[in-house]
Amino acid sequence: MDEELTEEVKQETSASNGGKRYHLRQRKGLQRFPNEEHVLLTDEGEPEIFEKAKRDTHNLEWLSDMQDEMDSLHENNTYELTKLPKGRKPLRNKWVYKMKSVDGRNPPKYKARIVVKGF
């Protein structure tokens, strides 16, 4: 009798949601691991924030490219400094750091770009 009832429920559910029975699948819980089994893989290549770039072993390369980026913005008249109108907030920005390696044999190039943060 239980099998008949289960089959009826499946058919009704299937008909009511356009033939899909995805919610009838048995769900598996998340597999948890003890803390000592966690592994973090990183190449320690690119800092995420300015503070880390200052303390990075390649800080001179990062700071040099940051200066190049600022010089480029000034030379290209990318922006104009003005007084902020009342009631307006300034755009927030952040530095994005990337290491680029063309072929893996030559030393990487350090790229620092300043971008506007999301609103």
PDB file of N, CA and C in Angstrom:
ATOM      1  N   MET A   1       0.826  -1.192   0.000  1.00  0.00           N
ATOM      2  CA  MET A   1       0.000   0.000   0.000  1.00  0.00           C
ATOM      3  C   MET A   1       0.867   1.251   0.000  1.00  0.00           C
ATOM      4  N   ASP A   2       1.960   1.238   0.776  1.00  0.00           N
ATOM      5  CA  ASP A   2       2.857   2.394   0.810  1.00  0.00           C
ATOM      6  C   ASP A   2       3.465   2.662  -0.554  1.00  0.00           C
ATOM      7  N   GLU A   3       3.780   1.605  -1.302  1.00  0.00           N
ATOM      8  CA  GLU A   3       4.366   1.771  -2.627  1.00  0.00           C
ATOM      9  C   GLU A   3       3.382   2.455  -3.559  1.00  0.00           C
ATOM     10  N   GLU A   4       2.089   2.084  -3.474  1.00  0.00           N
ATOM     11  CA  GLU A   4       1.064   2.702  -4.313  1.00  0.00           C
ATOM     12  C   GLU A   4       0.926   4.182  -3.984  1.00  0.00           C
ATOM     13  N   LEU A   5       0.920   4.504  -2.712  1.00  0.00           N
ATOM     14  CA  LEU A   5       0.805   5.897  -2.274  1.00  0.00           C
ATOM     15  C   LEU A   5       1.999   6.709  -2.741  1.00  0.00           C
ATOM     16  N   THR A   6       3.184   6.125  -2.593  1.00  0.00           N
ATOM     17  CA  THR A   6       4.393   6.807  -3.027  1.00  0.00           C
ATOM     18  C   THR A   6       4.349   7.061  -4.524  1.00  0.00           C
ATOM     19  N   GLU A   7       3.910   6.085  -5.296  1.00  0.00           N
ATOM     20  CA  GLU A   7       3.825   6.239  -6.753  1.00  0.00           C
ATOM     21  C   GLU A   7       2.815   7.323  -7.117  1.00  0.00           C
ATOM     22  N   GLU A   8       1.677   7.376  -6.410  1.00  0.00           N
ATOM     23  CA  GLU A   8       0.664   8.402  -6.670  1.00  0.00           C
ATOM     24  C   GLU A   8       1.225   9.794  -6.392  1.00  0.00           C
ATOM     25  N   VAL A   9       1.946   9.939  -5.283  1.00  0.00           N
ATOM     26  CA  VAL A   9       2.546  11.230  -4.931  1.00  0.00           C
ATOM     27  C   VAL A   9       3.539  11.649  -6.009  1.00  0.00           C
ATOM     28  N   LYS A  10       4.365  10.704  -6.471  1.00  0.00           N
ATOM     29  CA  LYS A  10       5.333  11.003  -7.517  1.00  0.00           C
ATOM     30  C   LYS A  10       4.636  11.471  -8.786  1.00  0.00           C
ATOM     31  N   GLN A  11       3.551  10.772  -9.180  1.00  0.00           N
ATOM     32  CA  GLN A  11       2.841  11.145 -10.401  1.00  0.00           C
ATOM     33  C   GLN A  11       2.185  12.515 -10.259  1.00  0.00           C
ATOM     34  N   GLU A  12       1.542  12.769  -9.122  1.00  0.00           N
ATOM     35  CA  GLU A  12       0.908  14.065  -8.896  1.00  0.00           C
ATOM     36  C   GLU A  12       1.941  15.182  -8.901  1.00  0.00           C
ATOM     37  N   THR A  13       3.046  14.957  -8.200  1.00  0.00           N
ATOM     38  CA  THR A  13       4.102  15.960  -8.127  1.00  0.00           C
ATOM     39  C   THR A  13       4.681  16.203  -9.501  1.00  0.00           C
ATOM     40  N   SER A  14       4.893  15.135 -10.251  1.00  0.00           N
ATOM     41  CA  SER A  14       5.460  15.251 -11.588  1.00  0.00           C
ATOM     42  C   SER A  14       4.524  16.045 -12.489  1.00  0.00           C
ATOM     43  N   ALA A  15       3.234  15.789 -12.409  1.00  0.00           N
ATOM     44  CA  ALA A  15       2.262  16.496 -13.239  1.00  0.00           C
ATOM     45  C   ALA A  15       2.136  17.952 -12.829  1.00  0.00           C
ATOM     46  N   SER A  16       2.254  18.243 -11.543  1.00  0.00           N
ATOM     47  CA  SER A  16       2.044  19.616 -11.069  1.00  0.00           C
ATOM     48  C   SER A  16       3.220  20.544 -11.381  1.00  0.00           C
ATOM     49  N   ASN A  17       4.415  20.006 -11.595  1.00  0.00           N
ATOM     50  CA  ASN A  17       5.549  20.896 -11.889  1.00  0.00           C
ATOM     51  C   ASN A  17       6.126  20.642 -13.279  1.00  0.00           C
ATOM     52  N   GLY A  18       5.263  20.271 -14.229  1.00  0.00           N
ATOM     53  CA  GLY A  18       5.690  20.134 -15.606  1.00  0.00           C
ATOM     54  C   GLY A  18       6.549  18.907 -15.860  1.00  0.00           C
ATOM     55  N   GLY A  19       6.396  17.871 -15.091  1.00  0.00           N
ATOM     56  CA  GLY A  19       7.147  16.644 -15.315  1.00  0.00           C
ATOM     57  C   GLY A  19       8.482  16.577 -14.602  1.00  0.00           C
ATOM     58  N   LYS A  20       8.840  17.612 -13.906  1.00  0.00           N
ATOM     59  CA  LYS A  20      10.132  17.616 -13.215  1.00  0.00           C
ATOM     60  C   LYS A  20       9.968  17.023 -11.826  1.00  0.00           C
ATOM     61  N   ARG A  21      10.891  16.146 -11.460  1.00  0.00           N
ATOM     62  CA  ARG A  21      10.832  15.526 -10.144  1.00  0.00           C
ATOM     63  C   ARG A  21      12.126  15.767  -9.393  1.00  0.00           C
ATOM     64  N   TYR A  22      12.762  16.867  -9.642  1.00  0.00           N
ATOM     65  CA  TYR A  22      14.069  17.124  -9.052  1.00  0.00           C
ATOM     66  C   TYR A  22      14.029  17.205  -7.528  1.00  0.00           C
ATOM     67  N   HIS A  23      12.937  17.671  -6.956  1.00  0.00           N
ATOM     68  CA  HIS A  23      12.886  17.804  -5.506  1.00  0.00           C
ATOM     69  C   HIS A  23      12.649  16.469  -4.807  1.00  0.00           C
ATOM     70  N   LEU A  24      12.393  15.411  -5.560  1.00  0.00           N
ATOM     71  CA  LEU A  24      12.211  14.100  -4.966  1.00  0.00           C
ATOM     72  C   LEU A  24      13.537  13.371  -4.797  1.00  0.00           C
ATOM     73  N   ARG A  25      14.597  13.920  -5.381  1.00  0.00           N
ATOM     74  CA  ARG A  25      15.902  13.286  -5.242  1.00  0.00           C
ATOM     75  C   ARG A  25      16.359  13.322  -3.797  1.00  0.00           C
ATOM     76  N   GLN A  26      17.091  12.330  -3.450  1.00  0.00           N
ATOM     77  CA  GLN A  26      17.642  12.298  -2.106  1.00  0.00           C
ATOM     78  C   GLN A  26      18.843  13.248  -2.073  1.00  0.00           C
ATOM     79  N   ARG A  27      18.851  14.157  -1.138  1.00  0.00           N
ATOM     80  CA  ARG A  27      19.928  15.137  -1.051  1.00  0.00           C
ATOM     81  C   ARG A  27      21.034  14.613  -0.140  1.00  0.00           C
ATOM     82  N   LYS A  28      22.259  14.899  -0.570  1.00  0.00           N
ATOM     83  CA  LYS A  28      23.408  14.517   0.237  1.00  0.00           C
ATOM     84  C   LYS A  28      23.872  15.740   1.010  1.00  0.00           C
ATOM     85  N   GLY A  29      24.244  15.539   2.246  1.00  0.00           N
ATOM     86  CA  GLY A  29      24.765  16.637   3.053  1.00  0.00           C
ATOM     87  C   GLY A  29      26.175  17.008   2.627  1.00  0.00           C
ATOM     88  N   LEU A  30      26.635  18.144   3.082  1.00  0.00           N
ATOM     89  CA  LEU A  30      28.000  18.557   2.797  1.00  0.00           C
ATOM     90  C   LEU A  30      28.977  17.655   3.519  1.00  0.00           C
ATOM     91  N   GLN A  31      30.051  17.349   2.847  1.00  0.00           N
ATOM     92  CA  GLN A  31      31.071  16.522   3.486  1.00  0.00           C
ATOM     93  C   GLN A  31      31.986  17.439   4.281  1.00  0.00           C
ATOM     94  N   ARG A  32      32.117  17.191   5.543  1.00  0.00           N
ATOM     95  CA  ARG A  32      32.941  18.016   6.417  1.00  0.00           C
ATOM     96  C   ARG A  32      34.262  17.315   6.702  1.00  0.00           C
ATOM     97  N   PHE A  33      35.314  18.107   6.754  1.00  0.00           N
ATOM     98  CA  PHE A  33      36.624  17.574   7.070  1.00  0.00           C
ATOM     99  C   PHE A  33      37.131  18.238   8.336  1.00  0.00           C
ATOM    100  N   PRO A  34      37.858  17.512   9.157  1.00  0.00           N
ATOM    101  CA  PRO A  34      38.465  18.139  10.336  1.00  0.00           C
ATOM    102  C   PRO A  34      39.475  19.198   9.903  1.00  0.00           C
ATOM    103  N   ASN A  35      39.697  20.195  10.742  1.00  0.00           N
ATOM    104  CA  ASN A  35      40.603  21.295  10.414  1.00  0.00           C
ATOM    105  C   ASN A  35      41.987  20.833  10.001  1.00  0.00           C
ATOM    106  N   GLU A  36      42.486  19.766  10.588  1.00  0.00           N
ATOM    107  CA  GLU A  36      43.845  19.330  10.262  1.00  0.00           C
ATOM    108  C   GLU A  36      43.939  18.737   8.857  1.00  0.00           C
ATOM    109  N   GLU A  37      42.796  18.488   8.198  1.00  0.00           N
ATOM    110  CA  GLU A  37      42.816  17.941   6.851  1.00  0.00           C
ATOM    111  C   GLU A  37      42.678  19.020   5.782  1.00  0.00           C
ATOM    112  N   HIS A  38      42.505  20.261   6.169  1.00  0.00           N
ATOM    113  CA  HIS A  38      42.372  21.339   5.195  1.00  0.00           C
ATOM    114  C   HIS A  38      43.744  21.688   4.638  1.00  0.00           C
ATOM    115  N   VAL A  39      43.782  21.956   3.344  1.00  0.00           N
ATOM    116  CA  VAL A  39      45.029  22.332   2.691  1.00  0.00           C
ATOM    117  C   VAL A  39      44.782  23.603   1.914  1.00  0.00           C
ATOM    118  N   LEU A  40      45.670  24.561   2.038  1.00  0.00           N
ATOM    119  CA  LEU A  40      45.579  25.804   1.276  1.00  0.00           C
ATOM    120  C   LEU A  40      46.713  25.818   0.267  1.00  0.00           C
ATOM    121  N   LEU A  41      46.346  25.875  -1.007  1.00  0.00           N
ATOM    122  CA  LEU A  41      47.354  25.932  -2.054  1.00  0.00           C
ATOM    123  C   LEU A  41      47.439  27.367  -2.553  1.00  0.00           C
ATOM    124  N   THR A  42      48.621  27.915  -2.558  1.00  0.00           N
ATOM    125  CA  THR A  42      48.809  29.276  -3.022  1.00  0.00           C
ATOM    126  C   THR A  42      50.186  29.416  -3.625  1.00  0.00           C
ATOM    127  N   ASP A  43      50.296  30.325  -4.580  1.00  0.00           N
ATOM    128  CA  ASP A  43      51.614  30.560  -5.156  1.00  0.00           C
ATOM    129  C   ASP A  43      52.249  31.806  -4.550  1.00  0.00           C
ATOM    130  N   GLU A  44      51.545  32.430  -3.619  1.00  0.00           N
ATOM    131  CA  GLU A  44      52.023  33.631  -2.948  1.00  0.00           C
ATOM    132  C   GLU A  44      52.507  34.680  -3.946  1.00  0.00           C
ATOM    133  N   GLY A  45      51.825  34.775  -5.077  1.00  0.00           N
ATOM    134  CA  GLY A  45      52.275  35.649  -6.137  1.00  0.00           C
ATOM    135  C   GLY A  45      51.727  37.053  -6.085  1.00  0.00           C
ATOM    136  N   GLU A  46      50.436  37.206  -5.945  1.00  0.00           N
ATOM    137  CA  GLU A  46      49.811  38.515  -6.096  1.00  0.00           C
ATOM    138  C   GLU A  46      49.178  38.979  -4.787  1.00  0.00           C
ATOM    139  N   PRO A  47      49.595  40.146  -4.315  1.00  0.00           N
ATOM    140  CA  PRO A  47      48.946  40.679  -3.105  1.00  0.00           C
ATOM    141  C   PRO A  47      47.514  41.099  -3.420  1.00  0.00           C
ATOM    142  N   GLU A  48      46.674  41.048  -2.417  1.00  0.00           N
ATOM    143  CA  GLU A  48      45.270  41.400  -2.604  1.00  0.00           C
ATOM    144  C   GLU A  48      44.996  42.862  -2.273  1.00  0.00           C
ATOM    145  N   ILE A  49      45.790  43.431  -1.387  1.00  0.00           N
ATOM    146  CA  ILE A  49      45.568  44.822  -0.976  1.00  0.00           C
ATOM    147  C   ILE A  49      46.908  45.553  -0.913  1.00  0.00           C
ATOM    148  N   PHE A  50      46.831  46.876  -0.873  1.00  0.00           N
ATOM    149  CA  PHE A  50      48.022  47.723  -0.870  1.00  0.00           C
ATOM    150  C   PHE A  50      48.953  47.400   0.299  1.00  0.00           C
ATOM    151  N   GLU A  51      48.384  47.162   1.477  1.00  0.00           N
ATOM    152  CA  GLU A  51      49.212  46.873   2.653  1.00  0.00           C
ATOM    153  C   GLU A  51      50.080  45.633   2.440  1.00  0.00           C
ATOM    154  N   LYS A  52      49.516  44.629   1.779  1.00  0.00           N
ATOM    155  CA  LYS A  52      50.292  43.414   1.504  1.00  0.00           C
ATOM    156  C   LYS A  52      51.352  43.678   0.432  1.00  0.00           C
ATOM    157  N   ALA A  53      51.038  44.534  -0.532  1.00  0.00           N
ATOM    158  CA  ALA A  53      52.002  44.860  -1.585  1.00  0.00           C
ATOM    159  C   ALA A  53      53.212  45.573  -0.990  1.00  0.00           C
ATOM    160  N   LYS A  54      52.982  46.425   0.016  1.00  0.00           N
ATOM    161  CA  LYS A  54      54.094  47.135   0.665  1.00  0.00           C
ATOM    162  C   LYS A  54      55.018  46.172   1.405  1.00  0.00           C
ATOM    163  N   ARG A  55      54.453  45.091   1.958  1.00  0.00           N
ATOM    164  CA  ARG A  55      55.246  44.144   2.741  1.00  0.00           C
ATOM    165  C   ARG A  55      55.733  42.957   1.910  1.00  0.00           C
ATOM    166  N   ASP A  56      55.323  42.877   0.661  1.00  0.00           N
ATOM    167  CA  ASP A  56      55.668  41.758  -0.203  1.00  0.00           C
ATOM    168  C   ASP A  56      57.167  41.748  -0.508  1.00  0.00           C
ATOM    169  N   THR A  57      57.704  40.571  -0.797  1.00  0.00           N
ATOM    170  CA  THR A  57      59.130  40.480  -1.129  1.00  0.00           C
ATOM    171  C   THR A  57      59.456  41.215  -2.427  1.00  0.00           C
ATOM    172  N   HIS A  58      58.458  41.421  -3.278  1.00  0.00           N
ATOM    173  CA  HIS A  58      58.642  42.143  -4.535  1.00  0.00           C
ATOM    174  C   HIS A  58      58.055  43.556  -4.440  1.00  0.00           C
ATOM    175  N   ASN A  59      58.107  44.134  -3.251  1.00  0.00           N
ATOM    176  CA  ASN A  59      57.458  45.435  -3.046  1.00  0.00           C
ATOM    177  C   ASN A  59      58.025  46.525  -3.945  1.00  0.00           C
ATOM    178  N   LEU A  60      59.304  46.482  -4.258  1.00  0.00           N
ATOM    179  CA  LEU A  60      59.882  47.501  -5.134  1.00  0.00           C
ATOM    180  C   LEU A  60      59.280  47.429  -6.542  1.00  0.00           C
ATOM    181  N   GLU A  61      59.065  46.215  -7.032  1.00  0.00           N
ATOM    182  CA  GLU A  61      58.444  46.049  -8.347  1.00  0.00           C
ATOM    183  C   GLU A  61      57.003  46.554  -8.337  1.00  0.00           C
ATOM    184  N   TRP A  62      56.257  46.200  -7.274  1.00  0.00           N
ATOM    185  CA  TRP A  62      54.864  46.649  -7.184  1.00  0.00           C
ATOM    186  C   TRP A  62      54.797  48.174  -7.091  1.00  0.00           C
ATOM    187  N   LEU A  63      55.607  48.761  -6.223  1.00  0.00           N
ATOM    188  CA  LEU A  63      55.569  50.221  -6.048  1.00  0.00           C
ATOM    189  C   LEU A  63      56.006  50.944  -7.316  1.00  0.00           C
ATOM    190  N   SER A  64      56.984  50.392  -8.022  1.00  0.00           N
ATOM    191  CA  SER A  64      57.426  50.994  -9.275  1.00  0.00           C
ATOM    192  C   SER A  64      56.304  50.984 -10.311  1.00  0.00           C
ATOM    193  N   ASP A  65      55.593  49.861 -10.428  1.00  0.00           N
ATOM    194  CA  ASP A  65      54.508  49.813 -11.402  1.00  0.00           C
ATOM    195  C   ASP A  65      53.325  50.665 -10.970  1.00  0.00           C
ATOM    196  N   MET A  66      53.107  50.805  -9.665  1.00  0.00           N
ATOM    197  CA  MET A  66      52.053  51.704  -9.191  1.00  0.00           C
ATOM    198  C   MET A  66      52.379  53.143  -9.596  1.00  0.00           C
ATOM    199  N   GLN A  67      53.650  53.518  -9.470  1.00  0.00           N
ATOM    200  CA  GLN A  67      54.058  54.869  -9.874  1.00  0.00           C
ATOM    201  C   GLN A  67      53.895  55.051 -11.383  1.00  0.00           C
ATOM    202  N   ASP A  68      54.246  54.019 -12.152  1.00  0.00           N
ATOM    203  CA  ASP A  68      54.054  54.070 -13.604  1.00  0.00           C
ATOM    204  C   ASP A  68      52.582  54.260 -13.955  1.00  0.00           C
ATOM    205  N   GLU A  69      51.703  53.558 -13.249  1.00  0.00           N
ATOM    206  CA  GLU A  69      50.258  53.679 -13.482  1.00  0.00           C
ATOM    207  C   GLU A  69      49.784  55.103 -13.187  1.00  0.00           C
ATOM    208  N   MET A  70      50.226  55.670 -12.071  1.00  0.00           N
ATOM    209  CA  MET A  70      49.819  57.036 -11.725  1.00  0.00           C
ATOM    210  C   MET A  70      50.366  58.040 -12.744  1.00  0.00           C
ATOM    211  N   ASP A  71      51.616  57.865 -13.178  1.00  0.00           N
ATOM    212  CA  ASP A  71      52.198  58.746 -14.194  1.00  0.00           C
ATOM    213  C   ASP A  71      51.404  58.668 -15.495  1.00  0.00           C
ATOM    214  N   SER A  72      51.022  57.471 -15.875  1.00  0.00           N
ATOM    215  CA  SER A  72      50.241  57.277 -17.095  1.00  0.00           C
ATOM    216  C   SER A  72      48.887  57.976 -17.002  1.00  0.00           C
ATOM    217  N   LEU A  73      48.223  57.873 -15.852  1.00  0.00           N
ATOM    218  CA  LEU A  73      46.931  58.545 -15.664  1.00  0.00           C
ATOM    219  C   LEU A  73      47.076  60.058 -15.785  1.00  0.00           C
ATOM    220  N   HIS A  74      48.166  60.616 -15.223  1.00  0.00           N
ATOM    221  CA  HIS A  74      48.406  62.065 -15.314  1.00  0.00           C
ATOM    222  C   HIS A  74      48.709  62.486 -16.754  1.00  0.00           C
ATOM    223  N   GLU A  75      49.607  61.743 -17.419  1.00  0.00           N
ATOM    224  CA  GLU A  75      49.998  62.090 -18.787  1.00  0.00           C
ATOM    225  C   GLU A  75      48.828  62.046 -19.754  1.00  0.00           C
ATOM    226  N   ASN A  76      47.916  61.102 -19.560  1.00  0.00           N
ATOM    227  CA  ASN A  76      46.768  60.938 -20.466  1.00  0.00           C
ATOM    228  C   ASN A  76      45.565  61.783 -20.051  1.00  0.00           C
ATOM    229  N   ASN A  77      45.729  62.614 -19.035  1.00  0.00           N
ATOM    230  CA  ASN A  77      44.615  63.440 -18.536  1.00  0.00           C
ATOM    231  C   ASN A  77      43.356  62.602 -18.312  1.00  0.00           C
ATOM    232  N   THR A  78      43.535  61.481 -17.652  1.00  0.00           N
ATOM    233  CA  THR A  78      42.440  60.550 -17.408  1.00  0.00           C
ATOM    234  C   THR A  78      41.390  61.142 -16.479  1.00  0.00           C
ATOM    235  N   TYR A  79      41.800  61.970 -15.587  1.00  0.00           N
ATOM    236  CA  TYR A  79      40.867  62.572 -14.643  1.00  0.00           C
ATOM    237  C   TYR A  79      41.296  64.003 -14.350  1.00  0.00           C
ATOM    238  N   GLU A  80      40.378  64.717 -13.732  1.00  0.00           N
ATOM    239  CA  GLU A  80      40.649  66.099 -13.345  1.00  0.00           C
ATOM    240  C   GLU A  80      40.244  66.253 -11.887  1.00  0.00           C
ATOM    241  N   LEU A  81      41.164  66.739 -11.072  1.00  0.00           N
ATOM    242  CA  LEU A  81      40.840  66.939  -9.664  1.00  0.00           C
ATOM    243  C   LEU A  81      39.991  68.203  -9.523  1.00  0.00           C
ATOM    244  N   THR A  82      38.863  68.065  -8.866  1.00  0.00           N
ATOM    245  CA  THR A  82      37.968  69.188  -8.624  1.00  0.00           C
ATOM    246  C   THR A  82      37.417  69.070  -7.213  1.00  0.00           C
ATOM    247  N   LYS A  83      36.751  70.148  -6.764  1.00  0.00           N
ATOM    248  CA  LYS A  83      36.072  70.079  -5.472  1.00  0.00           C
ATOM    249  C   LYS A  83      34.809  69.255  -5.637  1.00  0.00           C
ATOM    250  N   LEU A  84      34.554  68.442  -4.634  1.00  0.00           N
ATOM    251  CA  LEU A  84      33.380  67.589  -4.667  1.00  0.00           C
ATOM    252  C   LEU A  84      32.138  68.410  -4.331  1.00  0.00           C
ATOM    253  N   PRO A  85      31.084  68.348  -5.160  1.00  0.00           N
ATOM    254  CA  PRO A  85      29.849  69.080  -4.841  1.00  0.00           C
ATOM    255  C   PRO A  85      29.235  68.593  -3.536  1.00  0.00           C
ATOM    256  N   LYS A  86      28.510  69.485  -2.871  1.00  0.00           N
ATOM    257  CA  LYS A  86      27.856  69.122  -1.610  1.00  0.00           C
ATOM    258  C   LYS A  86      26.887  67.972  -1.835  1.00  0.00           C
ATOM    259  N   GLY A  87      26.884  67.059  -0.870  1.00  0.00           N
ATOM    260  CA  GLY A  87      25.963  65.926  -0.931  1.00  0.00           C
ATOM    261  C   GLY A  87      26.464  64.772  -1.785  1.00  0.00           C
ATOM    262  N   ARG A  88      27.623  64.915  -2.387  1.00  0.00           N
ATOM    263  CA  ARG A  88      28.182  63.850  -3.227  1.00  0.00           C
ATOM    264  C   ARG A  88      29.301  63.126  -2.495  1.00  0.00           C
ATOM    265  N   LYS A  89      29.429  61.837  -2.767  1.00  0.00           N
ATOM    266  CA  LYS A  89      30.494  61.047  -2.156  1.00  0.00           C
ATOM    267  C   LYS A  89      31.558  60.754  -3.210  1.00  0.00           C
ATOM    268  N   PRO A  90      32.807  60.725  -2.813  1.00  0.00           N
ATOM    269  CA  PRO A  90      33.855  60.398  -3.789  1.00  0.00           C
ATOM    270  C   PRO A  90      33.807  58.913  -4.167  1.00  0.00           C
ATOM    271  N   LEU A  91      34.275  58.619  -5.371  1.00  0.00           N
ATOM    272  CA  LEU A  91      34.372  57.230  -5.796  1.00  0.00           C
ATOM    273  C   LEU A  91      35.484  56.556  -5.011  1.00  0.00           C
ATOM    274  N   ARG A  92      35.235  55.353  -4.575  1.00  0.00           N
ATOM    275  CA  ARG A  92      36.267  54.595  -3.863  1.00  0.00           C
ATOM    276  C   ARG A  92      37.059  53.802  -4.889  1.00  0.00           C
ATOM    277  N   ASN A  93      38.331  53.614  -4.610  1.00  0.00           N
ATOM    278  CA  ASN A  93      39.153  52.868  -5.550  1.00  0.00           C
ATOM    279  C   ASN A  93      40.004  51.851  -4.805  1.00  0.00           C
ATOM    280  N   LYS A  94      40.622  50.977  -5.579  1.00  0.00           N
ATOM    281  CA  LYS A  94      41.524  49.987  -4.999  1.00  0.00           C
ATOM    282  C   LYS A  94      42.562  49.623  -6.049  1.00  0.00           C
ATOM    283  N   TRP A  95      43.666  49.078  -5.586  1.00  0.00           N
ATOM    284  CA  TRP A  95      44.717  48.601  -6.468  1.00  0.00           C
ATOM    285  C   TRP A  95      44.500  47.121  -6.748  1.00  0.00           C
ATOM    286  N   VAL A  96      44.732  46.733  -8.001  1.00  0.00           N
ATOM    287  CA  VAL A  96      44.668  45.331  -8.408  1.00  0.00           C
ATOM    288  C   VAL A  96      46.055  44.952  -8.891  1.00  0.00           C
ATOM    289  N   TYR A  97      46.579  43.873  -8.351  1.00  0.00           N
ATOM    290  CA  TYR A  97      47.942  43.439  -8.659  1.00  0.00           C
ATOM    291  C   TYR A  97      47.914  42.121  -9.428  1.00  0.00           C
ATOM    292  N   LYS A  98      48.683  42.065 -10.515  1.00  0.00           N
ATOM    293  CA  LYS A  98      48.785  40.843 -11.309  1.00  0.00           C
ATOM    294  C   LYS A  98      50.232  40.630 -11.725  1.00  0.00           C
ATOM    295  N   MET A  99      50.649  39.384 -11.689  1.00  0.00           N
ATOM    296  CA  MET A  99      51.954  39.007 -12.214  1.00  0.00           C
ATOM    297  C   MET A  99      51.709  38.342 -13.566  1.00  0.00           C
ATOM    298  N   LYS A 100      52.434  38.809 -14.587  1.00  0.00           N
ATOM    299  CA  LYS A 100      52.258  38.246 -15.917  1.00  0.00           C
ATOM    300  C   LYS A 100      53.556  37.622 -16.364  1.00  0.00           C
ATOM    301  N   SER A 101      53.457  36.390 -16.789  1.00  0.00           N
ATOM    302  CA  SER A 101      54.615  35.679 -17.298  1.00  0.00           C
ATOM    303  C   SER A 101      54.304  35.246 -18.725  1.00  0.00           C
ATOM    304  N   VAL A 102      55.105  35.687 -19.662  1.00  0.00           N
ATOM    305  CA  VAL A 102      54.839  35.397 -21.064  1.00  0.00           C
ATOM    306  C   VAL A 102      55.102  33.931 -21.381  1.00  0.00           C
ATOM    307  N   ASP A 103      56.261  33.421 -21.006  1.00  0.00           N
ATOM    308  CA  ASP A 103      56.600  32.053 -21.374  1.00  0.00           C
ATOM    309  C   ASP A 103      57.085  31.200 -20.208  1.00  0.00           C
ATOM    310  N   GLY A 104      57.173  31.757 -19.031  1.00  0.00           N
ATOM    311  CA  GLY A 104      57.620  30.998 -17.869  1.00  0.00           C
ATOM    312  C   GLY A 104      59.125  30.950 -17.720  1.00  0.00           C
ATOM    313  N   ARG A 105      59.866  31.286 -18.763  1.00  0.00           N
ATOM    314  CA  ARG A 105      61.335  31.271 -18.681  1.00  0.00           C
ATOM    315  C   ARG A 105      61.878  32.629 -18.241  1.00  0.00           C
ATOM    316  N   ASN A 106      61.224  33.688 -18.663  1.00  0.00           N
ATOM    317  CA  ASN A 106      61.659  35.047 -18.311  1.00  0.00           C
ATOM    318  C   ASN A 106      61.033  35.456 -16.990  1.00  0.00           C
ATOM    319  N   PRO A 107      61.635  36.415 -16.300  1.00  0.00           N
ATOM    320  CA  PRO A 107      61.031  36.881 -15.038  1.00  0.00           C
ATOM    321  C   PRO A 107      59.647  37.482 -15.299  1.00  0.00           C
ATOM    322  N   PRO A 108      58.748  37.339 -14.342  1.00  0.00           N
ATOM    323  CA  PRO A 108      57.389  37.877 -14.543  1.00  0.00           C
ATOM    324  C   PRO A 108      57.379  39.396 -14.565  1.00  0.00           C
ATOM    325  N   LYS A 109      56.341  39.937 -15.199  1.00  0.00           N
ATOM    326  CA  LYS A 109      56.116  41.378 -15.199  1.00  0.00           C
ATOM    327  C   LYS A 109      55.092  41.665 -14.107  1.00  0.00           C
ATOM    328  N   TYR A 110      55.311  42.739 -13.381  1.00  0.00           N
ATOM    329  CA  TYR A 110      54.419  43.119 -12.291  1.00  0.00           C
ATOM    330  C   TYR A 110      53.507  44.225 -12.792  1.00  0.00           C
ATOM    331  N   LYS A 111      52.200  44.002 -12.689  1.00  0.00           N
ATOM    332  CA  LYS A 111      51.220  44.970 -13.165  1.00  0.00           C
ATOM    333  C   LYS A 111      50.357  45.430 -11.992  1.00  0.00           C
ATOM    334  N   ALA A 112      50.307  46.730 -11.799  1.00  0.00           N
ATOM    335  CA  ALA A 112      49.454  47.313 -10.755  1.00  0.00           C
ATOM    336  C   ALA A 112      48.505  48.283 -11.450  1.00  0.00           C
ATOM    337  N   ARG A 113      47.215  48.094 -11.227  1.00  0.00           N
ATOM    338  CA  ARG A 113      46.211  48.962 -11.834  1.00  0.00           C
ATOM    339  C   ARG A 113      45.290  49.479 -10.744  1.00  0.00           C
ATOM    340  N   ILE A 114      44.897  50.720 -10.895  1.00  0.00           N
ATOM    341  CA  ILE A 114      43.951  51.300  -9.945  1.00  0.00           C
ATOM    342  C   ILE A 114      42.569  51.248 -10.595  1.00  0.00           C
ATOM    343  N   VAL A 115      41.597  50.759  -9.858  1.00  0.00           N
ATOM    344  CA  VAL A 115      40.233  50.594 -10.389  1.00  0.00           C
ATOM    345  C   VAL A 115      39.234  51.175  -9.383  1.00  0.00           C
ATOM    346  N   VAL A 116      38.071  51.549  -9.888  1.00  0.00           N
ATOM    347  CA  VAL A 116      36.998  52.055  -9.027  1.00  0.00           C
ATOM    348  C   VAL A 116      36.295  50.862  -8.407  1.00  0.00           C
ATOM    349  N   LYS A 117      36.066  50.915  -7.100  1.00  0.00           N
ATOM    350  CA  LYS A 117      35.334  49.846  -6.411  1.00  0.00           C
ATOM    351  C   LYS A 117      33.868  49.920  -6.790  1.00  0.00           C
ATOM    352  N   GLY A 118      33.182  48.788  -6.644  1.00  0.00           N
ATOM    353  CA  GLY A 118      31.751  48.728  -6.922  1.00  0.00           C
ATOM    354  C   GLY A 118      30.966  49.636  -5.998  1.00  0.00           C
ATOM    355  N   PHE A 119      29.816  50.038  -6.437  1.00  0.00           N
ATOM    356  CA  PHE A 119      28.986  50.975  -5.679  1.00  0.00           C
ATOM    357  C   PHE A 119      28.230  50.286  -4.594  1.00  0.00           C
TER     358      PHE A 119
END
